[in-house]
Amino acid sequence: MFGKLLIIAAMLMPVSLFAKEEKINKTIVCDEASTMLPWFGEKYGEEPMWIGVVKEATAEDEPVYASVVLNTETQTWTIVLYNRKVSCILESGKGFKFKFPKTGSL
């Protein structure tokens, strides 16, 4: 299960056909989703602000989600990849701003 999540995490990295290949060695921390997901709120006051479907449910596998959890007061944020069983922290940091696309109508 952890292997599948790591492969999906690697697929989330944006890649350009013209980009020079770079490798990043990074430890990804994973734990049971029931333990880790509430931890962001309890420890850092972070809450989900964006959730995306990485992989929809199939007959063989359950869905996988990516989420950005953040605390707007302290400016802490975490990017998480998870399913019902496992949750992995892809990255975390401090400091952010929102940038929304300009549209002609609501």
PDB file of N, CA and C in Angstrom:
ATOM      1  N   MET A   1       0.818  -1.193   0.000  1.00  0.00           N
ATOM      2  CA  MET A   1       0.000   0.000   0.000  1.00  0.00           C
ATOM      3  C   MET A   1       0.864   1.259   0.000  1.00  0.00           C
ATOM      4  N   PHE A   2       1.933   1.275   0.857  1.00  0.00           N
ATOM      5  CA  PHE A   2       2.807   2.449   0.914  1.00  0.00           C
ATOM      6  C   PHE A   2       3.471   2.678  -0.434  1.00  0.00           C
ATOM      7  N   GLY A   3       3.850   1.590  -1.102  1.00  0.00           N
ATOM      8  CA  GLY A   3       4.507   1.693  -2.404  1.00  0.00           C
ATOM      9  C   GLY A   3       3.620   2.376  -3.433  1.00  0.00           C
ATOM     10  N   LYS A   4       2.328   2.017  -3.450  1.00  0.00           N
ATOM     11  CA  LYS A   4       1.404   2.639  -4.394  1.00  0.00           C
ATOM     12  C   LYS A   4       1.270   4.126  -4.113  1.00  0.00           C
ATOM     13  N   LEU A   5       1.198   4.507  -2.834  1.00  0.00           N
ATOM     14  CA  LEU A   5       1.079   5.924  -2.500  1.00  0.00           C
ATOM     15  C   LEU A   5       2.333   6.696  -2.893  1.00  0.00           C
ATOM     16  N   LEU A   6       3.504   6.087  -2.738  1.00  0.00           N
ATOM     17  CA  LEU A   6       4.738   6.762  -3.125  1.00  0.00           C
ATOM     18  C   LEU A   6       4.807   6.957  -4.629  1.00  0.00           C
ATOM     19  N   ILE A   7       4.334   5.981  -5.391  1.00  0.00           N
ATOM     20  CA  ILE A   7       4.316   6.112  -6.846  1.00  0.00           C
ATOM     21  C   ILE A   7       3.362   7.222  -7.250  1.00  0.00           C
ATOM     22  N   ILE A   8       2.194   7.275  -6.628  1.00  0.00           N
ATOM     23  CA  ILE A   8       1.225   8.323  -6.938  1.00  0.00           C
ATOM     24  C   ILE A   8       1.796   9.687  -6.554  1.00  0.00           C
ATOM     25  N   ALA A   9       2.491   9.767  -5.413  1.00  0.00           N
ATOM     26  CA  ALA A   9       3.104  11.027  -4.995  1.00  0.00           C
ATOM     27  C   ALA A   9       4.102  11.498  -6.037  1.00  0.00           C
ATOM     28  N   ALA A  10       4.881  10.588  -6.573  1.00  0.00           N
ATOM     29  CA  ALA A  10       5.861  10.956  -7.595  1.00  0.00           C
ATOM     30  C   ALA A  10       5.169  11.447  -8.862  1.00  0.00           C
ATOM     31  N   MET A  11       4.007  10.880  -9.182  1.00  0.00           N
ATOM     32  CA  MET A  11       3.279  11.289 -10.373  1.00  0.00           C
ATOM     33  C   MET A  11       2.672  12.675 -10.217  1.00  0.00           C
ATOM     34  N   LEU A  12       2.503  13.161  -8.998  1.00  0.00           N
ATOM     35  CA  LEU A  12       1.939  14.478  -8.780  1.00  0.00           C
ATOM     36  C   LEU A  12       2.912  15.604  -9.114  1.00  0.00           C
ATOM     37  N   MET A  13       4.182  15.301  -9.158  1.00  0.00           N
ATOM     38  CA  MET A  13       5.184  16.313  -9.446  1.00  0.00           C
ATOM     39  C   MET A  13       5.004  16.805 -10.882  1.00  0.00           C
ATOM     40  N   PRO A  14       4.855  18.135 -11.083  1.00  0.00           N
ATOM     41  CA  PRO A  14       4.702  18.625 -12.455  1.00  0.00           C
ATOM     42  C   PRO A  14       5.993  18.412 -13.244  1.00  0.00           C
ATOM     43  N   VAL A  15       5.840  17.950 -14.478  1.00  0.00           N
ATOM     44  CA  VAL A  15       6.996  17.675 -15.316  1.00  0.00           C
ATOM     45  C   VAL A  15       6.772  18.327 -16.673  1.00  0.00           C
ATOM     46  N   SER A  16       7.773  19.008 -17.161  1.00  0.00           N
ATOM     47  CA  SER A  16       7.717  19.610 -18.483  1.00  0.00           C
ATOM     48  C   SER A  16       8.576  18.781 -19.418  1.00  0.00           C
ATOM     49  N   LEU A  17       8.184  18.695 -20.660  1.00  0.00           N
ATOM     50  CA  LEU A  17       8.973  17.950 -21.631  1.00  0.00           C
ATOM     51  C   LEU A  17      10.345  18.567 -21.839  1.00  0.00           C
ATOM     52  N   PHE A  18      10.478  19.866 -21.542  1.00  0.00           N
ATOM     53  CA  PHE A  18      11.727  20.567 -21.784  1.00  0.00           C
ATOM     54  C   PHE A  18      12.547  20.771 -20.512  1.00  0.00           C
ATOM     55  N   ALA A  19      12.078  20.290 -19.408  1.00  0.00           N
ATOM     56  CA  ALA A  19      12.771  20.495 -18.135  1.00  0.00           C
ATOM     57  C   ALA A  19      13.945  19.536 -17.999  1.00  0.00           C
ATOM     58  N   LYS A  20      14.978  20.012 -17.356  1.00  0.00           N
ATOM     59  CA  LYS A  20      16.125  19.163 -17.053  1.00  0.00           C
ATOM     60  C   LYS A  20      15.725  18.242 -15.903  1.00  0.00           C
ATOM     61  N   GLU A  21      16.063  16.974 -16.007  1.00  0.00           N
ATOM     62  CA  GLU A  21      15.708  16.024 -14.960  1.00  0.00           C
ATOM     63  C   GLU A  21      16.515  16.299 -13.705  1.00  0.00           C
ATOM     64  N   GLU A  22      15.834  16.420 -12.609  1.00  0.00           N
ATOM     65  CA  GLU A  22      16.449  16.602 -11.293  1.00  0.00           C
ATOM     66  C   GLU A  22      15.877  15.548 -10.367  1.00  0.00           C
ATOM     67  N   LYS A  23      16.684  15.046  -9.461  1.00  0.00           N
ATOM     68  CA  LYS A  23      16.203  14.081  -8.472  1.00  0.00           C
ATOM     69  C   LYS A  23      16.224  14.725  -7.105  1.00  0.00           C
ATOM     70  N   ILE A  24      15.188  14.465  -6.341  1.00  0.00           N
ATOM     71  CA  ILE A  24      15.087  14.959  -4.975  1.00  0.00           C
ATOM     72  C   ILE A  24      15.009  13.756  -4.056  1.00  0.00           C
ATOM     73  N   ASN A  25      15.968  13.644  -3.169  1.00  0.00           N
ATOM     74  CA  ASN A  25      15.922  12.587  -2.165  1.00  0.00           C
ATOM     75  C   ASN A  25      15.214  13.139  -0.944  1.00  0.00           C
ATOM     76  N   LYS A  26      14.067  12.581  -0.638  1.00  0.00           N
ATOM     77  CA  LYS A  26      13.261  13.086   0.465  1.00  0.00           C
ATOM     78  C   LYS A  26      12.577  11.923   1.156  1.00  0.00           C
ATOM     79  N   THR A  27      12.585  11.958   2.461  1.00  0.00           N
ATOM     80  CA  THR A  27      11.854  10.968   3.224  1.00  0.00           C
ATOM     81  C   THR A  27      10.402  11.415   3.312  1.00  0.00           C
ATOM     82  N   ILE A  28       9.495  10.520   2.982  1.00  0.00           N
ATOM     83  CA  ILE A  28       8.068  10.811   3.085  1.00  0.00           C
ATOM     84  C   ILE A  28       7.534  10.046   4.290  1.00  0.00           C
ATOM     85  N   VAL A  29       6.925  10.780   5.212  1.00  0.00           N
ATOM     86  CA  VAL A  29       6.412  10.196   6.449  1.00  0.00           C
ATOM     87  C   VAL A  29       4.973   9.758   6.229  1.00  0.00           C
ATOM     88  N   CYS A  30       4.693   8.492   6.532  1.00  0.00           N
ATOM     89  CA  CYS A  30       3.345   7.948   6.403  1.00  0.00           C
ATOM     90  C   CYS A  30       2.924   7.315   7.727  1.00  0.00           C
ATOM     91  N   ASP A  31       1.627   7.317   7.983  1.00  0.00           N
ATOM     92  CA  ASP A  31       1.071   6.694   9.180  1.00  0.00           C
ATOM     93  C   ASP A  31      -0.377   6.350   8.883  1.00  0.00           C
ATOM     94  N   GLU A  32      -1.028   5.743   9.841  1.00  0.00           N
ATOM     95  CA  GLU A  32      -2.446   5.429   9.675  1.00  0.00           C
ATOM     96  C   GLU A  32      -3.232   6.728   9.527  1.00  0.00           C
ATOM     97  N   ALA A  33      -4.136   6.769   8.562  1.00  0.00           N
ATOM     98  CA  ALA A  33      -4.911   7.975   8.302  1.00  0.00           C
ATOM     99  C   ALA A  33      -5.722   8.389   9.528  1.00  0.00           C
ATOM    100  N   SER A  34      -6.246   7.428  10.265  1.00  0.00           N
ATOM    101  CA  SER A  34      -7.068   7.754  11.440  1.00  0.00           C
ATOM    102  C   SER A  34      -6.242   8.446  12.524  1.00  0.00           C
ATOM    103  N   THR A  35      -4.941   8.234  12.526  1.00  0.00           N
ATOM    104  CA  THR A  35      -4.047   8.880  13.488  1.00  0.00           C
ATOM    105  C   THR A  35      -3.531  10.208  12.958  1.00  0.00           C
ATOM    106  N   MET A  36      -3.090  10.219  11.704  1.00  0.00           N
ATOM    107  CA  MET A  36      -2.417  11.383  11.164  1.00  0.00           C
ATOM    108  C   MET A  36      -3.354  12.532  10.790  1.00  0.00           C
ATOM    109  N   LEU A  37      -4.473  12.250  10.147  1.00  0.00           N
ATOM    110  CA  LEU A  37      -5.327  13.330   9.652  1.00  0.00           C
ATOM    111  C   LEU A  37      -5.822  14.264  10.764  1.00  0.00           C
ATOM    112  N   PRO A  38      -6.285  13.780  11.907  1.00  0.00           N
ATOM    113  CA  PRO A  38      -6.687  14.702  12.976  1.00  0.00           C
ATOM    114  C   PRO A  38      -5.503  15.458  13.598  1.00  0.00           C
ATOM    115  N   TRP A  39      -4.302  14.910  13.477  1.00  0.00           N
ATOM    116  CA  TRP A  39      -3.106  15.481  14.082  1.00  0.00           C
ATOM    117  C   TRP A  39      -2.817  16.887  13.578  1.00  0.00           C
ATOM    118  N   PHE A  40      -3.089  17.173  12.308  1.00  0.00           N
ATOM    119  CA  PHE A  40      -2.814  18.503  11.757  1.00  0.00           C
ATOM    120  C   PHE A  40      -3.611  19.573  12.496  1.00  0.00           C
ATOM    121  N   GLY A  41      -4.861  19.276  12.786  1.00  0.00           N
ATOM    122  CA  GLY A  41      -5.690  20.227  13.522  1.00  0.00           C
ATOM    123  C   GLY A  41      -5.290  20.343  14.975  1.00  0.00           C
ATOM    124  N   GLU A  42      -5.000  19.217  15.589  1.00  0.00           N
ATOM    125  CA  GLU A  42      -4.654  19.209  17.009  1.00  0.00           C
ATOM    126  C   GLU A  42      -3.317  19.888  17.278  1.00  0.00           C
ATOM    127  N   LYS A  43      -2.305  19.612  16.475  1.00  0.00           N
ATOM    128  CA  LYS A  43      -0.969  20.136  16.738  1.00  0.00           C
ATOM    129  C   LYS A  43      -0.753  21.538  16.159  1.00  0.00           C
ATOM    130  N   TYR A  44      -1.222  21.780  14.928  1.00  0.00           N
ATOM    131  CA  TYR A  44      -0.921  23.033  14.236  1.00  0.00           C
ATOM    132  C   TYR A  44      -2.139  23.916  13.962  1.00  0.00           C
ATOM    133  N   GLY A  45      -3.322  23.438  14.287  1.00  0.00           N
ATOM    134  CA  GLY A  45      -4.525  24.212  13.992  1.00  0.00           C
ATOM    135  C   GLY A  45      -4.794  24.311  12.495  1.00  0.00           C
ATOM    136  N   GLU A  46      -4.246  23.378  11.730  1.00  0.00           N
ATOM    137  CA  GLU A  46      -4.441  23.383  10.282  1.00  0.00           C
ATOM    138  C   GLU A  46      -5.723  22.638   9.927  1.00  0.00           C
ATOM    139  N   GLU A  47      -6.376  23.125   8.895  1.00  0.00           N
ATOM    140  CA  GLU A  47      -7.579  22.455   8.422  1.00  0.00           C
ATOM    141  C   GLU A  47      -7.562  22.386   6.900  1.00  0.00           C
ATOM    142  N   PRO A  48      -8.254  21.401   6.323  1.00  0.00           N
ATOM    143  CA  PRO A  48      -8.238  21.249   4.863  1.00  0.00           C
ATOM    144  C   PRO A  48      -8.841  22.467   4.173  1.00  0.00           C
ATOM    145  N   MET A  49      -8.115  23.008   3.196  1.00  0.00           N
ATOM    146  CA  MET A  49      -8.613  24.128   2.400  1.00  0.00           C
ATOM    147  C   MET A  49      -8.816  23.723   0.946  1.00  0.00           C
ATOM    148  N   TRP A  50      -8.186  22.606   0.552  1.00  0.00           N
ATOM    149  CA  TRP A  50      -8.313  22.105  -0.813  1.00  0.00           C
ATOM    150  C   TRP A  50      -8.140  20.597  -0.770  1.00  0.00           C
ATOM    151  N   ILE A  51      -9.027  19.888  -1.462  1.00  0.00           N
ATOM    152  CA  ILE A  51      -8.933  18.426  -1.575  1.00  0.00           C
ATOM    153  C   ILE A  51      -9.149  18.071  -3.043  1.00  0.00           C
ATOM    154  N   GLY A  52      -8.255  17.268  -3.586  1.00  0.00           N
ATOM    155  CA  GLY A  52      -8.373  16.824  -4.970  1.00  0.00           C
ATOM    156  C   GLY A  52      -8.361  15.306  -5.041  1.00  0.00           C
ATOM    157  N   VAL A  53      -9.059  14.768  -6.025  1.00  0.00           N
ATOM    158  CA  VAL A  53      -9.076  13.325  -6.235  1.00  0.00           C
ATOM    159  C   VAL A  53      -7.885  12.962  -7.106  1.00  0.00           C
ATOM    160  N   VAL A  54      -6.978  12.157  -6.562  1.00  0.00           N
ATOM    161  CA  VAL A  54      -5.799  11.700  -7.299  1.00  0.00           C
ATOM    162  C   VAL A  54      -6.157  10.467  -8.110  1.00  0.00           C
ATOM    163  N   LYS A  55      -6.902   9.577  -7.479  1.00  0.00           N
ATOM    164  CA  LYS A  55      -7.288   8.324  -8.136  1.00  0.00           C
ATOM    165  C   LYS A  55      -8.685   7.952  -7.653  1.00  0.00           C
ATOM    166  N   GLU A  56      -9.587   7.769  -8.594  1.00  0.00           N
ATOM    167  CA  GLU A  56     -10.942   7.391  -8.227  1.00  0.00           C
ATOM    168  C   GLU A  56     -10.991   5.927  -7.818  1.00  0.00           C
ATOM    169  N   ALA A  57     -12.009   5.589  -7.066  1.00  0.00           N
ATOM    170  CA  ALA A  57     -12.188   4.215  -6.600  1.00  0.00           C
ATOM    171  C   ALA A  57     -12.417   3.282  -7.782  1.00  0.00           C
ATOM    172  N   THR A  58     -11.858   2.084  -7.676  1.00  0.00           N
ATOM    173  CA  THR A  58     -12.102   1.032  -8.660  1.00  0.00           C
ATOM    174  C   THR A  58     -12.554  -0.204  -7.897  1.00  0.00           C
ATOM    175  N   ALA A  59     -12.849  -1.255  -8.617  1.00  0.00           N
ATOM    176  CA  ALA A  59     -13.249  -2.500  -7.961  1.00  0.00           C
ATOM    177  C   ALA A  59     -12.107  -3.066  -7.124  1.00  0.00           C
ATOM    178  N   GLU A  60     -10.851  -2.774  -7.528  1.00  0.00           N
ATOM    179  CA  GLU A  60      -9.695  -3.314  -6.820  1.00  0.00           C
ATOM    180  C   GLU A  60      -9.157  -2.388  -5.732  1.00  0.00           C
ATOM    181  N   ASP A  61      -9.255  -1.076  -5.941  1.00  0.00           N
ATOM    182  CA  ASP A  61      -8.623  -0.123  -5.036  1.00  0.00           C
ATOM    183  C   ASP A  61      -9.593   0.962  -4.589  1.00  0.00           C
ATOM    184  N   GLU A  62      -9.306   1.509  -3.428  1.00  0.00           N
ATOM    185  CA  GLU A  62     -10.107   2.622  -2.929  1.00  0.00           C
ATOM    186  C   GLU A  62      -9.559   3.935  -3.474  1.00  0.00           C
ATOM    187  N   PRO A  63     -10.301   5.033  -3.348  1.00  0.00           N
ATOM    188  CA  PRO A  63      -9.828   6.308  -3.889  1.00  0.00           C
ATOM    189  C   PRO A  63      -8.634   6.853  -3.107  1.00  0.00           C
ATOM    190  N   VAL A  64      -7.845   7.697  -3.787  1.00  0.00           N
ATOM    191  CA  VAL A  64      -6.707   8.376  -3.173  1.00  0.00           C
ATOM    192  C   VAL A  64      -6.927   9.876  -3.361  1.00  0.00           C
ATOM    193  N   TYR A  65      -6.632  10.650  -2.310  1.00  0.00           N
ATOM    194  CA  TYR A  65      -6.836  12.093  -2.335  1.00  0.00           C
ATOM    195  C   TYR A  65      -5.544  12.837  -2.009  1.00  0.00           C
ATOM    196  N   ALA A  66      -5.429  14.047  -2.516  1.00  0.00           N
ATOM    197  CA  ALA A  66      -4.372  14.974  -2.121  1.00  0.00           C
ATOM    198  C   ALA A  66      -5.075  16.142  -1.451  1.00  0.00           C
ATOM    199  N   SER A  67      -4.463  16.692  -0.410  1.00  0.00           N
ATOM    200  CA  SER A  67      -5.086  17.789   0.308  1.00  0.00           C
ATOM    201  C   SER A  67      -4.035  18.801   0.747  1.00  0.00           C
ATOM    202  N   VAL A  68      -4.432  20.059   0.745  1.00  0.00           N
ATOM    203  CA  VAL A  68      -3.618  21.117   1.336  1.00  0.00           C
ATOM    204  C   VAL A  68      -4.343  21.533   2.610  1.00  0.00           C
ATOM    205  N   VAL A  69      -3.666  21.338   3.745  1.00  0.00           N
ATOM    206  CA  VAL A  69      -4.226  21.774   5.030  1.00  0.00           C
ATOM    207  C   VAL A  69      -3.393  22.956   5.501  1.00  0.00           C
ATOM    208  N   LEU A  70      -4.055  23.964   6.052  1.00  0.00           N
ATOM    209  CA  LEU A  70      -3.302  25.140   6.464  1.00  0.00           C
ATOM    210  C   LEU A  70      -3.962  25.877   7.612  1.00  0.00           C
ATOM    211  N   ASN A  71      -3.160  26.712   8.235  1.00  0.00           N
ATOM    212  CA  ASN A  71      -3.612  27.592   9.308  1.00  0.00           C
ATOM    213  C   ASN A  71      -3.369  29.011   8.811  1.00  0.00           C
ATOM    214  N   THR A  72      -4.441  29.758   8.560  1.00  0.00           N
ATOM    215  CA  THR A  72      -4.306  31.100   7.987  1.00  0.00           C
ATOM    216  C   THR A  72      -3.713  32.099   8.969  1.00  0.00           C
ATOM    217  N   GLU A  73      -3.819  31.832  10.262  1.00  0.00           N
ATOM    218  CA  GLU A  73      -3.254  32.760  11.255  1.00  0.00           C
ATOM    219  C   GLU A  73      -1.744  32.583  11.405  1.00  0.00           C
ATOM    220  N   THR A  74      -1.284  31.339  11.527  1.00  0.00           N
ATOM    221  CA  THR A  74       0.148  31.093  11.731  1.00  0.00           C
ATOM    222  C   THR A  74       0.899  30.915  10.415  1.00  0.00           C
ATOM    223  N   GLN A  75       0.158  30.812   9.296  1.00  0.00           N
ATOM    224  CA  GLN A  75       0.737  30.631   7.965  1.00  0.00           C
ATOM    225  C   GLN A  75       1.460  29.293   7.792  1.00  0.00           C
ATOM    226  N   THR A  76       1.083  28.251   8.573  1.00  0.00           N
ATOM    227  CA  THR A  76       1.655  26.928   8.367  1.00  0.00           C
ATOM    228  C   THR A  76       0.788  26.165   7.376  1.00  0.00           C
ATOM    229  N   TRP A  77       1.428  25.271   6.619  1.00  0.00           N
ATOM    230  CA  TRP A  77       0.710  24.480   5.629  1.00  0.00           C
ATOM    231  C   TRP A  77       1.347  23.104   5.484  1.00  0.00           C
ATOM    232  N   THR A  78       0.540  22.145   5.023  1.00  0.00           N
ATOM    233  CA  THR A  78       1.002  20.783   4.783  1.00  0.00           C
ATOM    234  C   THR A  78       0.282  20.233   3.562  1.00  0.00           C
ATOM    235  N   ILE A  79       1.009  19.510   2.720  1.00  0.00           N
ATOM    236  CA  ILE A  79       0.407  18.815   1.581  1.00  0.00           C
ATOM    237  C   ILE A  79       0.407  17.329   1.920  1.00  0.00           C
ATOM    238  N   VAL A  80      -0.780  16.731   1.857  1.00  0.00           N
ATOM    239  CA  VAL A  80      -0.978  15.353   2.311  1.00  0.00           C
ATOM    240  C   VAL A  80      -1.567  14.514   1.181  1.00  0.00           C
ATOM    241  N   LEU A  81      -1.103  13.286   1.064  1.00  0.00           N
ATOM    242  CA  LEU A  81      -1.664  12.302   0.150  1.00  0.00           C
ATOM    243  C   LEU A  81      -2.239  11.189   1.015  1.00  0.00           C
ATOM    244  N   TYR A  82      -3.494  10.791   0.779  1.00  0.00           N
ATOM    245  CA  TYR A  82      -4.103   9.815   1.679  1.00  0.00           C
ATOM    246  C   TYR A  82      -5.236   9.038   1.033  1.00  0.00           C
ATOM    247  N   ASN A  83      -5.529   7.903   1.672  1.00  0.00           N
ATOM    248  CA  ASN A  83      -6.738   7.137   1.412  1.00  0.00           C
ATOM    249  C   ASN A  83      -7.353   6.829   2.782  1.00  0.00           C
ATOM    250  N   ARG A  84      -8.284   5.902   2.855  1.00  0.00           N
ATOM    251  CA  ARG A  84      -8.914   5.621   4.151  1.00  0.00           C
ATOM    252  C   ARG A  84      -7.946   5.026   5.163  1.00  0.00           C
ATOM    253  N   LYS A  85      -6.904   4.344   4.695  1.00  0.00           N
ATOM    254  CA  LYS A  85      -6.014   3.623   5.596  1.00  0.00           C
ATOM    255  C   LYS A  85      -4.712   4.359   5.899  1.00  0.00           C
ATOM    256  N   VAL A  86      -4.109   4.980   4.888  1.00  0.00           N
ATOM    257  CA  VAL A  86      -2.765   5.542   5.017  1.00  0.00           C
ATOM    258  C   VAL A  86      -2.763   7.014   4.630  1.00  0.00           C
ATOM    259  N   SER A  87      -1.975   7.792   5.364  1.00  0.00           N
ATOM    260  CA  SER A  87      -1.808   9.217   5.081  1.00  0.00           C
ATOM    261  C   SER A  87      -0.314   9.518   5.045  1.00  0.00           C
ATOM    262  N   CYS A  88       0.145  10.265   4.022  1.00  0.00           N
ATOM    263  CA  CYS A  88       1.562  10.592   3.867  1.00  0.00           C
ATOM    264  C   CYS A  88       1.742  12.099   3.727  1.00  0.00           C
ATOM    265  N   ILE A  89       2.717  12.643   4.459  1.00  0.00           N
ATOM    266  CA  ILE A  89       3.048  14.061   4.345  1.00  0.00           C
ATOM    267  C   ILE A  89       4.042  14.210   3.203  1.00  0.00           C
ATOM    268  N   LEU A  90       3.636  14.947   2.154  1.00  0.00           N
ATOM    269  CA  LEU A  90       4.534  15.171   1.031  1.00  0.00           C
ATOM    270  C   LEU A  90       5.446  16.362   1.289  1.00  0.00           C
ATOM    271  N   GLU A  91       4.913  17.397   1.939  1.00  0.00           N
ATOM    272  CA  GLU A  91       5.708  18.584   2.237  1.00  0.00           C
ATOM    273  C   GLU A  91       4.964  19.445   3.237  1.00  0.00           C
ATOM    274  N   SER A  92       5.698  20.273   3.956  1.00  0.00           N
ATOM    275  CA  SER A  92       5.081  21.226   4.873  1.00  0.00           C
ATOM    276  C   SER A  92       5.980  22.448   4.976  1.00  0.00           C
ATOM    277  N   GLY A  93       5.410  23.545   5.431  1.00  0.00           N
ATOM    278  CA  GLY A  93       6.203  24.762   5.540  1.00  0.00           C
ATOM    279  C   GLY A  93       5.435  25.874   6.219  1.00  0.00           C
ATOM    280  N   LYS A  94       5.989  27.071   6.117  1.00  0.00           N
ATOM    281  CA  LYS A  94       5.372  28.242   6.726  1.00  0.00           C
ATOM    282  C   LYS A  94       5.455  29.399   5.743  1.00  0.00           C
ATOM    283  N   GLY A  95       4.333  30.076   5.574  1.00  0.00           N
ATOM    284  CA  GLY A  95       4.238  31.207   4.672  1.00  0.00           C
ATOM    285  C   GLY A  95       3.560  30.817   3.371  1.00  0.00           C
ATOM    286  N   PHE A  96       2.516  31.552   3.002  1.00  0.00           N
ATOM    287  CA  PHE A  96       1.819  31.303   1.743  1.00  0.00           C
ATOM    288  C   PHE A  96       0.966  32.511   1.404  1.00  0.00           C
ATOM    289  N   LYS A  97       0.495  32.545   0.159  1.00  0.00           N
ATOM    290  CA  LYS A  97      -0.501  33.527  -0.247  1.00  0.00           C
ATOM    291  C   LYS A  97      -1.424  32.856  -1.247  1.00  0.00           C
ATOM    292  N   PHE A  98      -2.632  33.349  -1.336  1.00  0.00           N
ATOM    293  CA  PHE A  98      -3.597  32.805  -2.274  1.00  0.00           C
ATOM    294  C   PHE A  98      -3.510  33.585  -3.576  1.00  0.00           C
ATOM    295  N   LYS A  99      -3.566  32.877  -4.685  1.00  0.00           N
ATOM    296  CA  LYS A  99      -3.608  33.507  -5.989  1.00  0.00           C
ATOM    297  C   LYS A  99      -4.679  32.807  -6.792  1.00  0.00           C
ATOM    298  N   PHE A 100      -5.721  33.556  -7.091  1.00  0.00           N
ATOM    299  CA  PHE A 100      -6.848  32.993  -7.834  1.00  0.00           C
ATOM    300  C   PHE A 100      -6.795  33.472  -9.271  1.00  0.00           C
ATOM    301  N   PRO A 101      -7.203  32.628 -10.207  1.00  0.00           N
ATOM    302  CA  PRO A 101      -7.209  33.056 -11.611  1.00  0.00           C
ATOM    303  C   PRO A 101      -8.227  34.162 -11.839  1.00  0.00           C
ATOM    304  N   LYS A 102      -7.892  35.053 -12.749  1.00  0.00           N
ATOM    305  CA  LYS A 102      -8.815  36.123 -13.111  1.00  0.00           C
ATOM    306  C   LYS A 102      -9.845  35.551 -14.080  1.00  0.00           C
ATOM    307  N   THR A 103     -11.104  35.799 -13.792  1.00  0.00           N
ATOM    308  CA  THR A 103     -12.170  35.315 -14.675  1.00  0.00           C
ATOM    309  C   THR A 103     -13.070  36.471 -15.032  1.00  0.00           C
ATOM    310  N   GLY A 104     -13.788  36.326 -16.135  1.00  0.00           N
ATOM    311  CA  GLY A 104     -14.684  37.368 -16.590  1.00  0.00           C
ATOM    312  C   GLY A 104     -16.024  37.365 -15.894  1.00  0.00           C
ATOM    313  N   SER A 105     -16.395  36.226 -15.274  1.00  0.00           N
ATOM    314  CA  SER A 105     -17.690  36.165 -14.615  1.00  0.00           C
ATOM    315  C   SER A 105     -17.600  35.209 -13.428  1.00  0.00           C
ATOM    316  N   LEU A 106     -18.588  35.269 -12.570  1.00  0.00           N
ATOM    317  CA  LEU A 106     -18.633  34.386 -11.395  1.00  0.00           C
ATOM    318  C   LEU A 106     -19.365  33.127 -11.685  1.00  0.00           C
TER     319      LEU A 106
END
